[in-house]
N, C-alpha and C. Protein backbone atom coordinates (compact mmCIF):
# COMPACT_ATOMS: atom_id res chain seq x y z
N UNK A 1 -30.82 -4.20 11.74
CA UNK A 1 -29.61 -4.16 11.04
C UNK A 1 -28.40 -4.73 11.72
N UNK A 2 -27.26 -4.46 11.61
CA UNK A 2 -26.05 -4.96 12.17
C UNK A 2 -25.57 -4.04 13.36
N UNK A 3 -24.98 -4.59 14.29
CA UNK A 3 -24.44 -3.62 15.40
C UNK A 3 -23.01 -3.12 14.98
N UNK A 4 -22.35 -3.71 14.17
CA UNK A 4 -20.89 -3.31 13.67
C UNK A 4 -20.64 -3.83 12.55
N UNK A 5 -19.45 -3.45 11.78
CA UNK A 5 -18.92 -3.90 10.43
C UNK A 5 -18.55 -5.40 10.67
N UNK A 6 -17.75 -5.66 12.00
CA UNK A 6 -17.59 -7.05 12.08
C UNK A 6 -18.72 -8.02 11.93
N UNK A 7 -19.66 -7.73 12.53
CA UNK A 7 -21.10 -8.76 12.42
C UNK A 7 -21.53 -8.60 10.96
N UNK A 8 -21.35 -7.55 10.55
CA UNK A 8 -21.78 -7.38 8.82
C UNK A 8 -20.91 -8.71 8.07
N UNK A 9 -19.73 -8.62 8.46
CA UNK A 9 -18.55 -9.42 7.57
C UNK A 9 -19.03 -10.77 7.94
N UNK A 10 -19.29 -11.17 9.29
CA UNK A 10 -19.45 -12.53 9.58
C UNK A 10 -20.81 -13.12 8.75
N UNK A 11 -21.99 -12.21 8.59
CA UNK A 11 -23.12 -12.60 7.95
C UNK A 11 -22.96 -12.68 6.50
N UNK A 12 -21.90 -11.87 5.91
CA UNK A 12 -21.75 -12.10 4.45
C UNK A 12 -21.03 -13.38 4.22
N UNK A 13 -20.11 -13.68 5.06
CA UNK A 13 -19.30 -14.97 4.80
C UNK A 13 -20.25 -16.15 4.91
N UNK A 14 -21.26 -16.24 5.59
CA UNK A 14 -22.17 -17.45 5.49
C UNK A 14 -23.35 -17.27 4.86
N UNK A 15 -23.77 -16.09 4.21
CA UNK A 15 -24.87 -15.61 3.23
C UNK A 15 -25.09 -16.82 2.12
N UNK A 16 -26.43 -17.27 2.08
CA UNK A 16 -26.89 -18.30 0.96
C UNK A 16 -28.02 -17.62 0.42
N UNK A 17 -28.30 -16.31 0.25
CA UNK A 17 -29.57 -15.71 0.11
C UNK A 17 -29.67 -15.55 -1.77
N UNK A 18 -28.66 -15.95 -2.32
CA UNK A 18 -28.55 -15.85 -3.91
C UNK A 18 -27.62 -16.79 -4.44
N UNK A 19 -27.71 -17.03 -5.77
CA UNK A 19 -26.88 -18.20 -6.28
C UNK A 19 -25.23 -17.88 -6.39
N UNK A 20 -24.85 -16.69 -5.93
CA UNK A 20 -23.52 -16.40 -5.72
C UNK A 20 -22.68 -17.13 -4.75
N UNK A 21 -23.65 -17.91 -3.75
CA UNK A 21 -22.95 -18.54 -2.76
C UNK A 21 -22.63 -19.91 -3.42
N UNK A 22 -23.12 -20.39 -4.55
CA UNK A 22 -22.84 -21.80 -5.02
C UNK A 22 -21.33 -21.90 -5.58
N UNK A 23 -21.05 -20.66 -6.16
CA UNK A 23 -19.44 -20.83 -6.38
C UNK A 23 -18.28 -19.90 -6.00
N UNK A 24 -18.71 -19.29 -4.88
CA UNK A 24 -17.76 -18.43 -4.33
C UNK A 24 -16.75 -19.20 -3.44
N UNK A 25 -15.68 -18.40 -3.49
CA UNK A 25 -14.52 -19.01 -2.72
C UNK A 25 -14.04 -18.21 -1.82
N UNK A 26 -14.33 -16.78 -1.90
CA UNK A 26 -13.99 -15.68 -0.98
C UNK A 26 -14.96 -14.65 -0.87
N UNK A 27 -15.32 -14.42 0.32
CA UNK A 27 -15.96 -13.29 0.73
C UNK A 27 -15.05 -11.96 0.94
N UNK A 28 -14.86 -11.16 0.42
CA UNK A 28 -14.04 -9.81 0.38
C UNK A 28 -14.72 -8.49 0.78
N UNK A 29 -14.50 -8.13 2.20
CA UNK A 29 -15.15 -6.80 2.34
C UNK A 29 -14.07 -5.72 2.01
N UNK A 30 -14.54 -4.91 1.61
CA UNK A 30 -13.66 -3.68 0.81
C UNK A 30 -13.08 -2.85 1.90
N UNK A 31 -12.52 -1.69 1.44
CA UNK A 31 -11.87 -0.72 2.46
C UNK A 31 -12.44 0.54 1.98
N UNK A 32 -12.27 1.40 2.93
CA UNK A 32 -12.62 2.77 2.58
C UNK A 32 -13.36 3.45 3.95
N UNK A 33 -13.83 4.46 3.81
CA UNK A 33 -14.80 5.25 4.87
C UNK A 33 -15.97 4.48 5.41
N UNK A 34 -16.11 3.87 6.30
CA UNK A 34 -17.26 3.12 6.97
C UNK A 34 -18.41 4.12 7.31
N UNK A 35 -18.15 5.44 7.13
CA UNK A 35 -19.24 6.40 7.45
C UNK A 35 -19.69 7.18 6.21
N UNK A 36 -19.38 6.77 5.01
CA UNK A 36 -19.54 7.18 3.59
C UNK A 36 -21.06 7.23 3.31
N UNK A 37 -21.54 8.09 2.65
CA UNK A 37 -22.87 8.07 2.08
C UNK A 37 -23.37 7.23 1.11
N UNK A 38 -22.52 6.88 0.33
CA UNK A 38 -22.50 5.85 -0.67
C UNK A 38 -21.61 4.72 -0.65
N UNK A 39 -22.20 3.51 -0.82
CA UNK A 39 -21.36 2.44 -0.77
C UNK A 39 -21.78 1.45 -2.21
N UNK A 40 -20.88 0.97 -2.87
CA UNK A 40 -20.89 0.14 -4.01
C UNK A 40 -20.73 -1.33 -3.77
N UNK A 41 -21.37 -2.16 -4.06
CA UNK A 41 -21.59 -3.67 -3.86
C UNK A 41 -21.75 -4.25 -5.21
N UNK A 42 -20.59 -5.34 -5.27
CA UNK A 42 -20.93 -5.90 -6.33
C UNK A 42 -20.03 -7.14 -6.71
N UNK A 43 -20.06 -7.99 -7.59
CA UNK A 43 -19.42 -9.38 -7.71
C UNK A 43 -18.24 -9.07 -8.43
N UNK A 44 -17.17 -9.72 -7.76
CA UNK A 44 -15.67 -9.61 -8.32
C UNK A 44 -15.46 -10.39 -9.71
N UNK A 45 -14.63 -10.22 -10.33
CA UNK A 45 -14.19 -11.13 -11.43
C UNK A 45 -14.17 -12.60 -11.34
N UNK A 46 -14.66 -13.39 -12.25
CA UNK A 46 -14.52 -14.74 -12.07
C UNK A 46 -13.25 -15.12 -12.88
N UNK A 47 -12.52 -16.35 -12.14
CA UNK A 47 -11.44 -16.64 -12.72
C UNK A 47 -11.86 -17.93 -13.75
N UNK A 48 -10.90 -18.21 -14.71
CA UNK A 48 -11.62 -19.01 -15.90
C UNK A 48 -10.74 -20.50 -15.53
């Protein structure tokens, strides 16, 4: 795993594991309780 949230954020910024990386312009790490039992991960809206 990752040693902290900062490392996870850096890995996410450089990730190329799926097709989302082909068109993304930003990786946004959300806010909230970093010790929560549940986390939602999703793709943001696309601009036209």
